[in-house]
Amino acid sequence: MRKSDRDENRITTSSGNVFADLGFDEAEAQVLALRADLMAQLEQTIKARKLTQVAASKVLGVSQGRVSDLARGKVEKFSLDMLVTFAAKLGKPARIELSA
């Protein structure tokens, strides 16, 4: 087995935050993780309500394309503020708690 093959197959234990594991600094990694988690929860809410992207776009006050970006997990296209606004518009107010 070539050295490069061994390196590709090496398993590294996660820190619990994929963004930190990818090399983002701690603060940015936390914000990215919050955004990704909130996006996933918003998408679950939209699916649970059986909303089409067009219907969801009307509820959220954005274009269907923005809902598509949300569904495809394009984290870089949404601020935490925008995602919190989406949650409120879906009747699921977001809350952030600081750990002890």
C-alpha atoms as a PDB file:
ATOM      1  CA  MET A   1       0.000   0.000   0.000  1.00  0.00           C
ATOM      2  CA  ARG A   2       1.375   3.392  -0.952  1.00  0.00           C
ATOM      3  CA  LYS A   3       1.782   6.037   1.731  1.00  0.00           C
ATOM      4  CA  SER A   4      -0.882   8.264   0.126  1.00  0.00           C
ATOM      5  CA  ASP A   5      -3.387   5.387   0.264  1.00  0.00           C
ATOM      6  CA  ARG A   6      -2.721   4.935   3.986  1.00  0.00           C
ATOM      7  CA  ASP A   7      -3.192   8.657   4.618  1.00  0.00           C
ATOM      8  CA  GLU A   8      -6.505   8.675   2.749  1.00  0.00           C
ATOM      9  CA  ASN A   9      -7.833   5.788   4.831  1.00  0.00           C
ATOM     10  CA  ARG A  10      -6.820   7.216   8.204  1.00  0.00           C
ATOM     11  CA  ILE A  11      -9.704   7.866  10.594  1.00  0.00           C
ATOM     12  CA  THR A  12      -9.585  10.942  12.792  1.00  0.00           C
ATOM     13  CA  THR A  13     -11.866  11.372  15.793  1.00  0.00           C
ATOM     14  CA  SER A  14     -14.190  14.364  15.481  1.00  0.00           C
ATOM     15  CA  SER A  15     -14.111  17.221  17.925  1.00  0.00           C
ATOM     16  CA  GLY A  16     -17.905  17.347  17.715  1.00  0.00           C
ATOM     17  CA  ASN A  17     -17.861  20.338  15.370  1.00  0.00           C
ATOM     18  CA  VAL A  18     -17.091  19.517  11.753  1.00  0.00           C
ATOM     19  CA  PHE A  19     -16.212  23.151  11.048  1.00  0.00           C
ATOM     20  CA  ALA A  20     -13.552  23.175  13.768  1.00  0.00           C
ATOM     21  CA  ASP A  21     -12.260  19.891  12.348  1.00  0.00           C
ATOM     22  CA  LEU A  22     -11.978  21.583   8.945  1.00  0.00           C
ATOM     23  CA  GLY A  23      -9.737  24.263  10.432  1.00  0.00           C
ATOM     24  CA  PHE A  24     -12.069  27.187  11.069  1.00  0.00           C
ATOM     25  CA  ASP A  25     -11.211  29.166  14.188  1.00  0.00           C
ATOM     26  CA  GLU A  26     -13.327  28.329  17.247  1.00  0.00           C
ATOM     27  CA  ALA A  27     -15.668  31.346  17.065  1.00  0.00           C
ATOM     28  CA  GLU A  28     -16.381  30.960  13.354  1.00  0.00           C
ATOM     29  CA  ALA A  29     -16.788  27.188  13.729  1.00  0.00           C
ATOM     30  CA  GLN A  30     -19.447  27.728  16.401  1.00  0.00           C
ATOM     31  CA  VAL A  31     -21.402  30.184  14.239  1.00  0.00           C
ATOM     32  CA  LEU A  32     -21.211  27.869  11.214  1.00  0.00           C
ATOM     33  CA  ALA A  33     -22.399  24.929  13.321  1.00  0.00           C
ATOM     34  CA  LEU A  34     -25.321  26.985  14.674  1.00  0.00           C
ATOM     35  CA  ARG A  35     -26.286  28.031  11.163  1.00  0.00           C
ATOM     36  CA  ALA A  36     -26.080  24.482   9.805  1.00  0.00           C
ATOM     37  CA  ASP A  37     -28.134  23.097  12.699  1.00  0.00           C
ATOM     38  CA  LEU A  38     -30.796  25.790  12.368  1.00  0.00           C
ATOM     39  CA  MET A  39     -30.969  25.252   8.604  1.00  0.00           C
ATOM     40  CA  ALA A  40     -31.536  21.523   9.111  1.00  0.00           C
ATOM     41  CA  GLN A  41     -34.300  22.189  11.634  1.00  0.00           C
ATOM     42  CA  LEU A  42     -35.971  24.708   9.317  1.00  0.00           C
ATOM     43  CA  GLU A  43     -35.891  22.216   6.449  1.00  0.00           C
ATOM     44  CA  GLN A  44     -37.415  19.548   8.721  1.00  0.00           C
ATOM     45  CA  THR A  45     -40.190  21.960   9.702  1.00  0.00           C
ATOM     46  CA  ILE A  46     -40.919  22.787   6.062  1.00  0.00           C
ATOM     47  CA  LYS A  47     -41.057  19.078   5.176  1.00  0.00           C
ATOM     48  CA  ALA A  48     -43.210  18.211   8.215  1.00  0.00           C
ATOM     49  CA  ARG A  49     -45.725  20.852   7.109  1.00  0.00           C
ATOM     50  CA  LYS A  50     -45.576  19.441   3.576  1.00  0.00           C
ATOM     51  CA  LEU A  51     -44.868  22.891   2.154  1.00  0.00           C
ATOM     52  CA  THR A  52     -43.622  23.138  -1.395  1.00  0.00           C
ATOM     53  CA  GLN A  53     -40.681  25.442  -1.972  1.00  0.00           C
ATOM     54  CA  VAL A  54     -43.067  27.979  -3.497  1.00  0.00           C
ATOM     55  CA  ALA A  55     -45.394  27.832  -0.469  1.00  0.00           C
ATOM     56  CA  ALA A  56     -42.449  28.039   1.932  1.00  0.00           C
ATOM     57  CA  SER A  57     -41.078  31.035   0.035  1.00  0.00           C
ATOM     58  CA  LYS A  58     -44.361  32.874   0.591  1.00  0.00           C
ATOM     59  CA  VAL A  59     -44.318  32.116   4.333  1.00  0.00           C
ATOM     60  CA  LEU A  60     -40.665  33.147   4.648  1.00  0.00           C
ATOM     61  CA  GLY A  61     -40.958  36.190   2.393  1.00  0.00           C
ATOM     62  CA  VAL A  62     -38.143  35.136   0.050  1.00  0.00           C
ATOM     63  CA  SER A  63     -37.827  33.702  -3.444  1.00  0.00           C
ATOM     64  CA  GLN A  64     -38.236  30.016  -4.205  1.00  0.00           C
ATOM     65  CA  GLY A  65     -34.546  29.984  -5.091  1.00  0.00           C
ATOM     66  CA  ARG A  66     -33.637  31.019  -1.539  1.00  0.00           C
ATOM     67  CA  VAL A  67     -35.747  28.136  -0.180  1.00  0.00           C
ATOM     68  CA  SER A  68     -33.901  25.832  -2.573  1.00  0.00           C
ATOM     69  CA  ASP A  69     -30.576  27.114  -1.183  1.00  0.00           C
ATOM     70  CA  LEU A  70     -31.874  26.380   2.311  1.00  0.00           C
ATOM     71  CA  ALA A  71     -32.944  22.860   1.320  1.00  0.00           C
ATOM     72  CA  ARG A  72     -29.551  22.176  -0.251  1.00  0.00           C
ATOM     73  CA  GLY A  73     -27.733  23.291   2.901  1.00  0.00           C
ATOM     74  CA  LYS A  74     -25.902  26.249   1.414  1.00  0.00           C
ATOM     75  CA  VAL A  75     -24.765  27.566   4.794  1.00  0.00           C
ATOM     76  CA  GLU A  76     -22.676  30.357   3.291  1.00  0.00           C
ATOM     77  CA  LYS A  77     -25.785  32.005   1.812  1.00  0.00           C
ATOM     78  CA  PHE A  78     -27.574  32.621   5.118  1.00  0.00           C
ATOM     79  CA  SER A  79     -26.718  34.694   8.155  1.00  0.00           C
ATOM     80  CA  LEU A  80     -27.679  33.475  11.597  1.00  0.00           C
ATOM     81  CA  ASP A  81     -29.967  36.513  11.840  1.00  0.00           C
ATOM     82  CA  MET A  82     -31.829  35.526   8.658  1.00  0.00           C
ATOM     83  CA  LEU A  83     -32.272  31.941   9.839  1.00  0.00           C
ATOM     84  CA  VAL A  84     -33.660  33.119  13.193  1.00  0.00           C
ATOM     85  CA  THR A  85     -36.115  35.313  11.248  1.00  0.00           C
ATOM     86  CA  PHE A  86     -37.164  32.290   9.149  1.00  0.00           C
ATOM     87  CA  ALA A  87     -37.739  30.259  12.317  1.00  0.00           C
ATOM     88  CA  ALA A  88     -39.992  32.989  13.725  1.00  0.00           C
ATOM     89  CA  LYS A  89     -41.965  33.172  10.474  1.00  0.00           C
ATOM     90  CA  LEU A  90     -42.507  29.411  10.674  1.00  0.00           C
ATOM     91  CA  GLY A  91     -43.816  29.801  14.242  1.00  0.00           C
ATOM     92  CA  LYS A  92     -40.711  28.179  15.745  1.00  0.00           C
ATOM     93  CA  PRO A  93     -38.850  30.957  17.563  1.00  0.00           C
ATOM     94  CA  ALA A  94     -35.146  30.158  17.918  1.00  0.00           C
ATOM     95  CA  ARG A  95     -33.318  30.446  21.204  1.00  0.00           C
ATOM     96  CA  ILE A  96     -29.601  30.386  21.885  1.00  0.00           C
ATOM     97  CA  GLU A  97     -28.323  29.208  25.246  1.00  0.00           C
ATOM     98  CA  LEU A  98     -24.819  29.566  26.561  1.00  0.00           C
ATOM     99  CA  SER A  99     -23.318  26.456  28.046  1.00  0.00           C
ATOM    100  CA  ALA A 100     -22.218  26.550  31.661  1.00  0.00           C
END
